[in-house]
Amino acid sequence: MGRVVEPELLDELPFDDPEAVRSRRELRVINGLMGNYRWMRERLRGAGGRLVVELGSG
C-alpha cells in the first residue's frame, strides 16, 4: 500500500472556527492524559539549550 497524503481537518478550518477550537482542546486533553508534556519536560531538563525538531507531525 502506498502512502496516502490528505489534508487534515485542522489544516482546512479557520483558526477561530468552533470545530477547530474544539479539536485543539481535545488534543490538549489527550496529550495531558498520555503524559506527553511531562515526558518532554523530563527529557529537556538539563538539555543545555538543545533544540527540538518535530518531524512527521502532519
N, C-alpha and C. Protein backbone atom coordinates (compact mmCIF):
# COMPACT_ATOMS: atom_id res chain seq x y z
N MET A 1 0.84 -1.17 0.00
CA MET A 1 0.00 0.00 0.00
C MET A 1 0.89 1.24 0.00
N GLY A 2 0.62 2.15 -0.90
CA GLY A 2 1.39 3.39 -0.97
C GLY A 2 0.91 4.41 0.05
N ARG A 3 1.71 5.41 0.23
CA ARG A 3 1.38 6.48 1.17
C ARG A 3 0.25 7.32 0.61
N VAL A 4 -0.71 7.65 1.48
CA VAL A 4 -1.83 8.50 1.10
C VAL A 4 -1.70 9.81 1.86
N VAL A 5 -1.61 10.91 1.14
CA VAL A 5 -1.49 12.22 1.76
C VAL A 5 -2.78 12.98 1.53
N GLU A 6 -3.44 13.33 2.62
CA GLU A 6 -4.69 14.08 2.54
C GLU A 6 -4.63 15.23 3.53
N PRO A 7 -5.28 16.35 3.21
CA PRO A 7 -5.30 17.47 4.16
C PRO A 7 -6.06 17.07 5.43
N GLU A 8 -5.60 17.59 6.55
CA GLU A 8 -6.26 17.32 7.82
C GLU A 8 -7.31 18.39 8.08
N LEU A 9 -8.29 18.05 8.88
CA LEU A 9 -9.37 18.98 9.20
C LEU A 9 -8.83 20.30 9.73
N LEU A 10 -7.88 20.24 10.65
CA LEU A 10 -7.35 21.48 11.23
C LEU A 10 -6.57 22.31 10.22
N ASP A 11 -6.09 21.69 9.15
CA ASP A 11 -5.38 22.43 8.11
C ASP A 11 -6.35 23.25 7.26
N GLU A 12 -7.59 22.81 7.20
CA GLU A 12 -8.58 23.43 6.32
C GLU A 12 -9.45 24.48 7.00
N LEU A 13 -9.62 24.37 8.32
CA LEU A 13 -10.52 25.27 9.04
C LEU A 13 -9.83 26.56 9.47
N PRO A 14 -10.59 27.66 9.50
CA PRO A 14 -10.02 28.90 10.06
C PRO A 14 -9.65 28.68 11.53
N PHE A 15 -8.65 29.42 12.01
CA PHE A 15 -8.15 29.25 13.36
C PHE A 15 -9.25 29.35 14.41
N ASP A 16 -10.20 30.28 14.21
CA ASP A 16 -11.23 30.52 15.21
C ASP A 16 -12.53 29.75 14.96
N ASP A 17 -12.53 28.84 14.01
CA ASP A 17 -13.71 28.02 13.75
C ASP A 17 -14.01 27.18 15.00
N PRO A 18 -15.27 27.10 15.43
CA PRO A 18 -15.61 26.35 16.64
C PRO A 18 -15.13 24.90 16.62
N GLU A 19 -15.17 24.26 15.47
CA GLU A 19 -14.70 22.87 15.40
C GLU A 19 -13.18 22.78 15.56
N ALA A 20 -12.46 23.76 15.01
CA ALA A 20 -11.01 23.78 15.17
C ALA A 20 -10.64 24.04 16.64
N VAL A 21 -11.36 24.95 17.28
CA VAL A 21 -11.12 25.25 18.69
C VAL A 21 -11.37 23.99 19.53
N ARG A 22 -12.46 23.30 19.25
CA ARG A 22 -12.80 22.08 19.99
C ARG A 22 -11.74 21.00 19.76
N SER A 23 -11.30 20.84 18.52
CA SER A 23 -10.30 19.81 18.21
C SER A 23 -8.99 20.07 18.93
N ARG A 24 -8.55 21.34 18.96
CA ARG A 24 -7.31 21.66 19.67
C ARG A 24 -7.46 21.43 21.17
N ARG A 25 -8.63 21.74 21.71
CA ARG A 25 -8.88 21.49 23.14
C ARG A 25 -8.80 20.00 23.42
N GLU A 26 -9.40 19.19 22.56
CA GLU A 26 -9.36 17.74 22.74
C GLU A 26 -7.93 17.20 22.65
N LEU A 27 -7.14 17.76 21.74
CA LEU A 27 -5.74 17.34 21.62
C LEU A 27 -4.95 17.66 22.89
N ARG A 28 -5.23 18.84 23.50
CA ARG A 28 -4.56 19.18 24.76
C ARG A 28 -4.94 18.20 25.86
N VAL A 29 -6.22 17.81 25.92
CA VAL A 29 -6.66 16.84 26.93
C VAL A 29 -5.97 15.50 26.71
N ILE A 30 -5.95 15.03 25.46
CA ILE A 30 -5.33 13.74 25.15
C ILE A 30 -3.84 13.77 25.49
N ASN A 31 -3.14 14.85 25.10
CA ASN A 31 -1.71 14.97 25.42
C ASN A 31 -1.49 14.97 26.93
N GLY A 32 -2.37 15.62 27.67
CA GLY A 32 -2.26 15.64 29.12
C GLY A 32 -2.47 14.26 29.72
N LEU A 33 -3.48 13.55 29.24
CA LEU A 33 -3.76 12.21 29.75
C LEU A 33 -2.63 11.23 29.44
N MET A 34 -2.01 11.40 28.29
CA MET A 34 -0.93 10.50 27.90
C MET A 34 0.40 10.87 28.55
N GLY A 35 0.44 12.02 29.20
CA GLY A 35 1.68 12.44 29.86
C GLY A 35 2.72 12.99 28.91
N ASN A 36 2.31 13.42 27.72
CA ASN A 36 3.28 13.90 26.72
C ASN A 36 4.05 15.12 27.19
N TYR A 37 3.37 16.07 27.86
CA TYR A 37 4.05 17.28 28.33
C TYR A 37 5.09 16.93 29.39
N ARG A 38 4.69 16.07 30.33
CA ARG A 38 5.60 15.66 31.41
C ARG A 38 6.81 14.92 30.82
N TRP A 39 6.57 14.03 29.87
CA TRP A 39 7.65 13.26 29.26
C TRP A 39 8.65 14.21 28.59
N MET A 40 8.14 15.17 27.82
CA MET A 40 9.01 16.11 27.11
C MET A 40 9.78 16.98 28.09
N ARG A 41 9.11 17.46 29.13
CA ARG A 41 9.77 18.29 30.13
C ARG A 41 10.92 17.53 30.80
N GLU A 42 10.68 16.26 31.13
CA GLU A 42 11.72 15.46 31.77
C GLU A 42 12.90 15.24 30.83
N ARG A 43 12.64 15.04 29.55
CA ARG A 43 13.72 14.81 28.58
C ARG A 43 14.53 16.08 28.35
N LEU A 44 13.87 17.24 28.41
CA LEU A 44 14.55 18.50 28.13
C LEU A 44 15.26 19.08 29.35
N ARG A 45 14.90 18.61 30.53
CA ARG A 45 15.52 19.12 31.75
C ARG A 45 17.03 18.87 31.68
N GLY A 46 17.78 19.93 31.82
CA GLY A 46 19.23 19.80 31.79
C GLY A 46 19.81 19.57 30.40
N ALA A 47 19.02 19.84 29.36
CA ALA A 47 19.49 19.60 27.99
C ALA A 47 20.46 20.68 27.53
N GLY A 48 20.58 21.76 28.28
CA GLY A 48 21.58 22.78 27.96
C GLY A 48 21.37 23.49 26.65
N GLY A 49 20.16 23.92 26.34
CA GLY A 49 19.91 24.72 25.16
C GLY A 49 19.77 23.94 23.86
N ARG A 50 19.58 22.65 23.95
CA ARG A 50 19.37 21.86 22.72
C ARG A 50 18.06 22.27 22.05
N LEU A 51 17.98 22.03 20.78
CA LEU A 51 16.78 22.34 20.01
C LEU A 51 15.91 21.10 19.87
N VAL A 52 14.61 21.33 19.72
CA VAL A 52 13.67 20.24 19.47
C VAL A 52 13.15 20.41 18.05
N VAL A 53 13.20 19.34 17.27
CA VAL A 53 12.68 19.36 15.91
C VAL A 53 11.55 18.35 15.84
N GLU A 54 10.39 18.79 15.38
CA GLU A 54 9.25 17.90 15.24
C GLU A 54 9.18 17.45 13.78
N LEU A 55 9.38 16.16 13.56
CA LEU A 55 9.38 15.60 12.21
C LEU A 55 8.16 14.72 11.99
N GLY A 56 7.59 14.79 10.84
CA GLY A 56 6.46 13.93 10.52
C GLY A 56 5.24 14.20 11.37
N SER A 57 5.04 15.47 11.72
CA SER A 57 3.94 15.80 12.62
C SER A 57 2.62 16.00 11.89
N GLY A 58 2.64 15.99 10.59
CA GLY A 58 1.39 16.10 9.86
C GLY A 58 1.10 17.43 9.31
